[in-house]
N, C-alpha and C. Protein backbone atom coordinates (compact mmCIF):
# COMPACT_ATOMS: atom_id res chain seq x y z
N MET A 1 223.60 171.08 148.05
CA MET A 1 222.03 170.93 147.71
C MET A 1 221.82 169.38 147.15
N LYS A 2 222.17 168.44 147.89
CA LYS A 2 221.67 167.18 147.70
C LYS A 2 220.54 166.78 148.43
N SER A 3 220.07 165.66 147.84
CA SER A 3 218.85 164.95 148.59
C SER A 3 219.29 164.52 150.04
N GLY A 4 218.36 164.40 150.80
CA GLY A 4 218.57 164.15 152.19
C GLY A 4 219.11 165.28 153.12
N THR A 5 219.58 166.45 152.81
CA THR A 5 220.08 167.70 153.54
C THR A 5 218.92 168.02 154.29
N LEU A 6 219.52 168.20 155.60
CA LEU A 6 218.50 168.92 156.62
C LEU A 6 218.60 170.49 156.54
N TYR A 7 217.42 171.02 156.97
CA TYR A 7 217.36 172.58 157.13
C TYR A 7 216.71 172.87 158.25
N ARG A 8 216.80 173.95 158.77
CA ARG A 8 215.90 174.61 159.93
C ARG A 8 215.38 175.90 159.36
N HIS A 9 214.10 175.97 159.53
CA HIS A 9 213.56 177.26 159.24
C HIS A 9 214.03 178.52 160.18
N LYS A 10 214.45 179.51 159.78
CA LYS A 10 214.92 180.59 160.62
C LYS A 10 214.00 181.12 161.79
N LEU A 11 212.69 181.41 161.30
CA LEU A 11 211.57 181.95 162.08
C LEU A 11 210.83 180.76 162.94
N SER A 12 210.61 179.76 162.50
CA SER A 12 209.61 178.66 163.38
C SER A 12 210.51 177.71 163.98
N GLY A 13 211.89 177.49 163.33
CA GLY A 13 212.63 176.40 164.03
C GLY A 13 212.20 175.01 163.30
N ALA A 14 211.23 174.87 162.73
CA ALA A 14 211.15 173.63 162.00
C ALA A 14 211.81 173.12 161.39
N ILE A 15 212.13 171.59 161.45
CA ILE A 15 213.00 171.10 160.62
C ILE A 15 212.44 170.52 159.33
N PHE A 16 213.25 170.66 158.13
CA PHE A 16 212.73 170.08 156.72
C PHE A 16 213.92 169.20 156.20
N ILE A 17 213.49 168.34 155.48
CA ILE A 17 214.57 167.47 154.54
C ILE A 17 214.33 167.69 153.04
N GLN A 18 215.31 167.71 152.55
CA GLN A 18 215.46 167.88 150.93
C GLN A 18 214.99 166.35 150.34
N ASP A 19 214.12 166.50 149.37
CA ASP A 19 213.65 165.44 148.63
C ASP A 19 213.80 165.52 147.33
N GLY A 20 215.02 164.91 147.05
CA GLY A 20 215.53 164.76 145.46
C GLY A 20 216.69 166.14 145.42
N ASP A 21 217.28 166.21 144.20
CA ASP A 21 218.21 167.19 143.85
C ASP A 21 217.39 168.52 143.50
N ALA A 22 218.24 169.57 143.24
CA ALA A 22 217.70 170.91 142.81
C ALA A 22 217.26 170.50 141.25
N PHE A 23 216.19 171.36 140.86
CA PHE A 23 215.60 171.01 139.65
C PHE A 23 215.28 172.51 139.16
N ARG A 24 215.26 172.77 137.78
CA ARG A 24 214.71 173.75 137.23
C ARG A 24 212.92 173.94 137.16
N LYS A 25 212.60 175.28 137.65
CA LYS A 25 211.21 175.26 137.72
C LYS A 25 210.69 176.65 137.20
N ARG A 26 209.47 176.83 136.65
CA ARG A 26 208.94 178.00 136.13
C ARG A 26 208.23 178.55 137.34
N PHE A 27 208.34 179.62 137.85
CA PHE A 27 207.60 180.42 138.93
C PHE A 27 206.77 181.34 138.45
N ILE A 28 205.43 181.33 138.97
CA ILE A 28 204.42 182.04 138.40
C ILE A 28 204.07 182.77 139.81
N ASP A 29 203.85 184.08 139.62
CA ASP A 29 203.34 185.02 140.59
C ASP A 29 201.96 185.61 140.42
N LYS A 30 201.27 186.32 141.23
CA LYS A 30 200.07 186.87 141.01
C LYS A 30 200.19 187.88 139.69
N ASN A 31 201.12 188.68 139.51
CA ASN A 31 201.26 189.49 138.34
C ASN A 31 201.16 188.75 137.18
N ASP A 32 201.65 187.57 137.04
CA ASP A 32 201.80 186.78 135.65
C ASP A 32 200.41 186.08 135.24
N TRP A 33 199.41 186.27 136.19
CA TRP A 33 198.20 185.92 135.69
C TRP A 33 197.45 186.49 134.83
N ASP A 34 197.69 187.95 134.89
CA ASP A 34 197.09 188.77 133.94
C ASP A 34 197.66 188.58 132.45
N LEU A 35 198.79 188.20 132.35
CA LEU A 35 199.42 187.79 131.18
C LEU A 35 198.82 186.53 130.59
N ILE A 36 198.68 185.67 131.43
CA ILE A 36 197.96 184.34 131.17
C ILE A 36 196.52 184.45 130.61
N GLU A 37 195.90 185.51 131.29
CA GLU A 37 194.39 185.57 130.97
C GLU A 37 194.23 186.41 129.71
N HIS A 38 195.16 187.15 129.35
CA HIS A 38 195.21 187.64 128.07
C HIS A 38 195.97 187.10 126.75
N GLY A 39 196.23 185.86 127.07
CA GLY A 39 196.70 185.03 126.01
C GLY A 39 198.21 185.12 125.83
N MET A 40 198.73 185.84 126.71
CA MET A 40 200.33 185.87 126.45
C MET A 40 201.04 185.03 127.72
N GLY A 41 200.55 184.01 127.90
CA GLY A 41 201.06 182.98 128.91
C GLY A 41 202.74 182.68 128.70
N HIS A 42 203.05 182.75 127.48
CA HIS A 42 204.69 182.30 127.22
C HIS A 42 205.44 183.53 127.48
N LEU A 43 204.95 184.56 128.09
CA LEU A 43 205.68 185.47 128.64
C LEU A 43 205.63 185.55 130.06
N ALA A 44 204.88 184.80 130.61
CA ALA A 44 204.44 184.87 132.07
C ALA A 44 205.55 183.97 132.87
N GLY A 45 206.08 184.38 134.07
CA GLY A 45 206.69 183.69 134.94
C GLY A 45 208.36 183.78 134.78
N SER A 46 208.81 183.33 135.55
CA SER A 46 210.48 183.31 135.46
C SER A 46 210.86 181.95 135.90
N TYR A 47 212.00 181.65 135.42
CA TYR A 47 212.58 180.23 135.67
C TYR A 47 213.84 180.49 136.92
N GLY A 48 213.80 179.42 137.49
CA GLY A 48 215.06 179.36 138.45
C GLY A 48 215.07 178.18 139.03
N LEU A 49 216.07 177.59 139.99
CA LEU A 49 216.41 176.50 140.57
C LEU A 49 215.58 176.26 141.70
N ALA A 50 215.09 175.14 141.93
CA ALA A 50 214.14 174.77 143.09
C ALA A 50 214.43 173.61 143.90
N VAL A 51 214.01 173.29 145.04
CA VAL A 51 214.14 172.24 145.82
C VAL A 51 212.74 171.76 146.42
N LYS A 52 212.41 170.56 146.68
CA LYS A 52 211.47 169.93 147.32
C LYS A 52 211.87 169.98 148.69
N LEU A 53 211.02 170.26 149.61
CA LEU A 53 211.41 170.07 151.24
C LEU A 53 210.08 169.59 151.69
N VAL A 54 210.54 168.41 152.53
CA VAL A 54 209.52 167.87 153.47
C VAL A 54 209.41 168.09 155.04
N SER A 55 208.41 168.55 155.28
CA SER A 55 208.49 168.81 156.91
C SER A 55 208.66 167.64 157.66
N SER A 56 209.49 167.54 158.61
CA SER A 56 209.60 166.38 159.51
C SER A 56 208.62 166.29 160.50
N ASP A 57 207.73 167.38 160.82
CA ASP A 57 206.73 167.23 161.78
C ASP A 57 205.57 166.72 161.19
N ARG A 58 205.19 167.59 160.11
CA ARG A 58 203.76 167.10 159.34
C ARG A 58 203.80 166.12 158.02
N GLY A 59 205.10 166.15 157.44
CA GLY A 59 205.22 165.24 156.36
C GLY A 59 204.72 165.97 155.04
N THR A 60 204.33 167.23 155.16
CA THR A 60 204.07 167.98 153.83
C THR A 60 205.23 168.45 153.10
N VAL A 61 204.99 168.29 151.75
CA VAL A 61 205.87 168.82 150.78
C VAL A 61 205.64 169.99 150.34
N ARG A 62 206.74 170.95 150.14
CA ARG A 62 206.59 172.17 149.66
C ARG A 62 207.75 172.51 148.70
N THR A 63 207.69 173.11 147.47
CA THR A 63 208.70 173.52 146.76
C THR A 63 209.08 174.85 147.04
N TRP A 64 210.40 175.03 146.96
CA TRP A 64 210.86 176.45 147.45
C TRP A 64 212.10 176.84 146.18
N SER A 65 211.98 178.06 145.76
CA SER A 65 213.20 178.43 145.13
C SER A 65 214.50 178.58 145.81
N VAL A 66 215.61 178.44 145.39
CA VAL A 66 216.87 178.49 145.92
C VAL A 66 217.10 179.83 146.52
N LYS A 67 216.53 180.55 146.00
CA LYS A 67 216.64 182.00 146.56
C LYS A 67 215.97 182.17 147.91
N ASN A 68 214.68 181.61 147.94
CA ASN A 68 213.95 181.65 149.14
C ASN A 68 214.74 180.81 150.18
N LEU A 69 215.03 179.52 149.67
CA LEU A 69 215.69 178.65 150.59
C LEU A 69 216.82 179.48 151.47
N ARG A 70 217.46 180.14 150.72
CA ARG A 70 218.92 180.57 151.50
C ARG A 70 218.37 181.80 152.32
N GLU A 71 217.27 182.40 152.01
CA GLU A 71 216.78 183.65 152.80
C GLU A 71 216.12 183.14 154.11
N ASN A 72 215.42 181.96 153.91
CA ASN A 72 214.56 181.51 155.17
C ASN A 72 214.95 180.13 155.93
N PHE A 73 216.04 179.55 155.63
CA PHE A 73 216.62 178.46 156.21
C PHE A 73 217.91 178.28 156.32
N VAL A 74 218.23 177.68 157.27
CA VAL A 74 219.75 177.27 157.88
C VAL A 74 219.99 175.88 157.47
N LYS A 75 220.98 175.47 156.75
CA LYS A 75 221.56 174.29 156.40
C LYS A 75 221.98 173.74 157.75
N ILE A 76 221.49 172.46 158.26
CA ILE A 76 221.91 171.89 159.43
C ILE A 76 222.83 170.82 159.00
N CYS A 77 222.86 169.91 158.06
CA CYS A 77 223.64 168.84 157.66
C CYS A 77 223.43 168.36 156.36
N GLU A 78 224.43 168.28 155.71
CA GLU A 78 224.40 167.92 154.11
C GLU A 78 224.64 166.45 154.12
N SER A 79 223.56 165.51 153.53
CA SER A 79 223.97 164.15 153.14
C SER A 79 225.04 163.75 152.39
């Protein structure tokens, strides 16, 4: 998981390029917003490794958890 690694999305076939190395991120889902709204935001979310992927077609950047990356992408070439 190095910067510049190429991935192909399993369903769409779109190509993505990893931007930077893996980093630690706090992931918040819709269930965590209830905790945040009631003043318990420090208990909300979960931490995990993430990577930023840039779409080679559109140039958009999206952050993916490593878990979702492994489920949805195939590594083409590691830089």
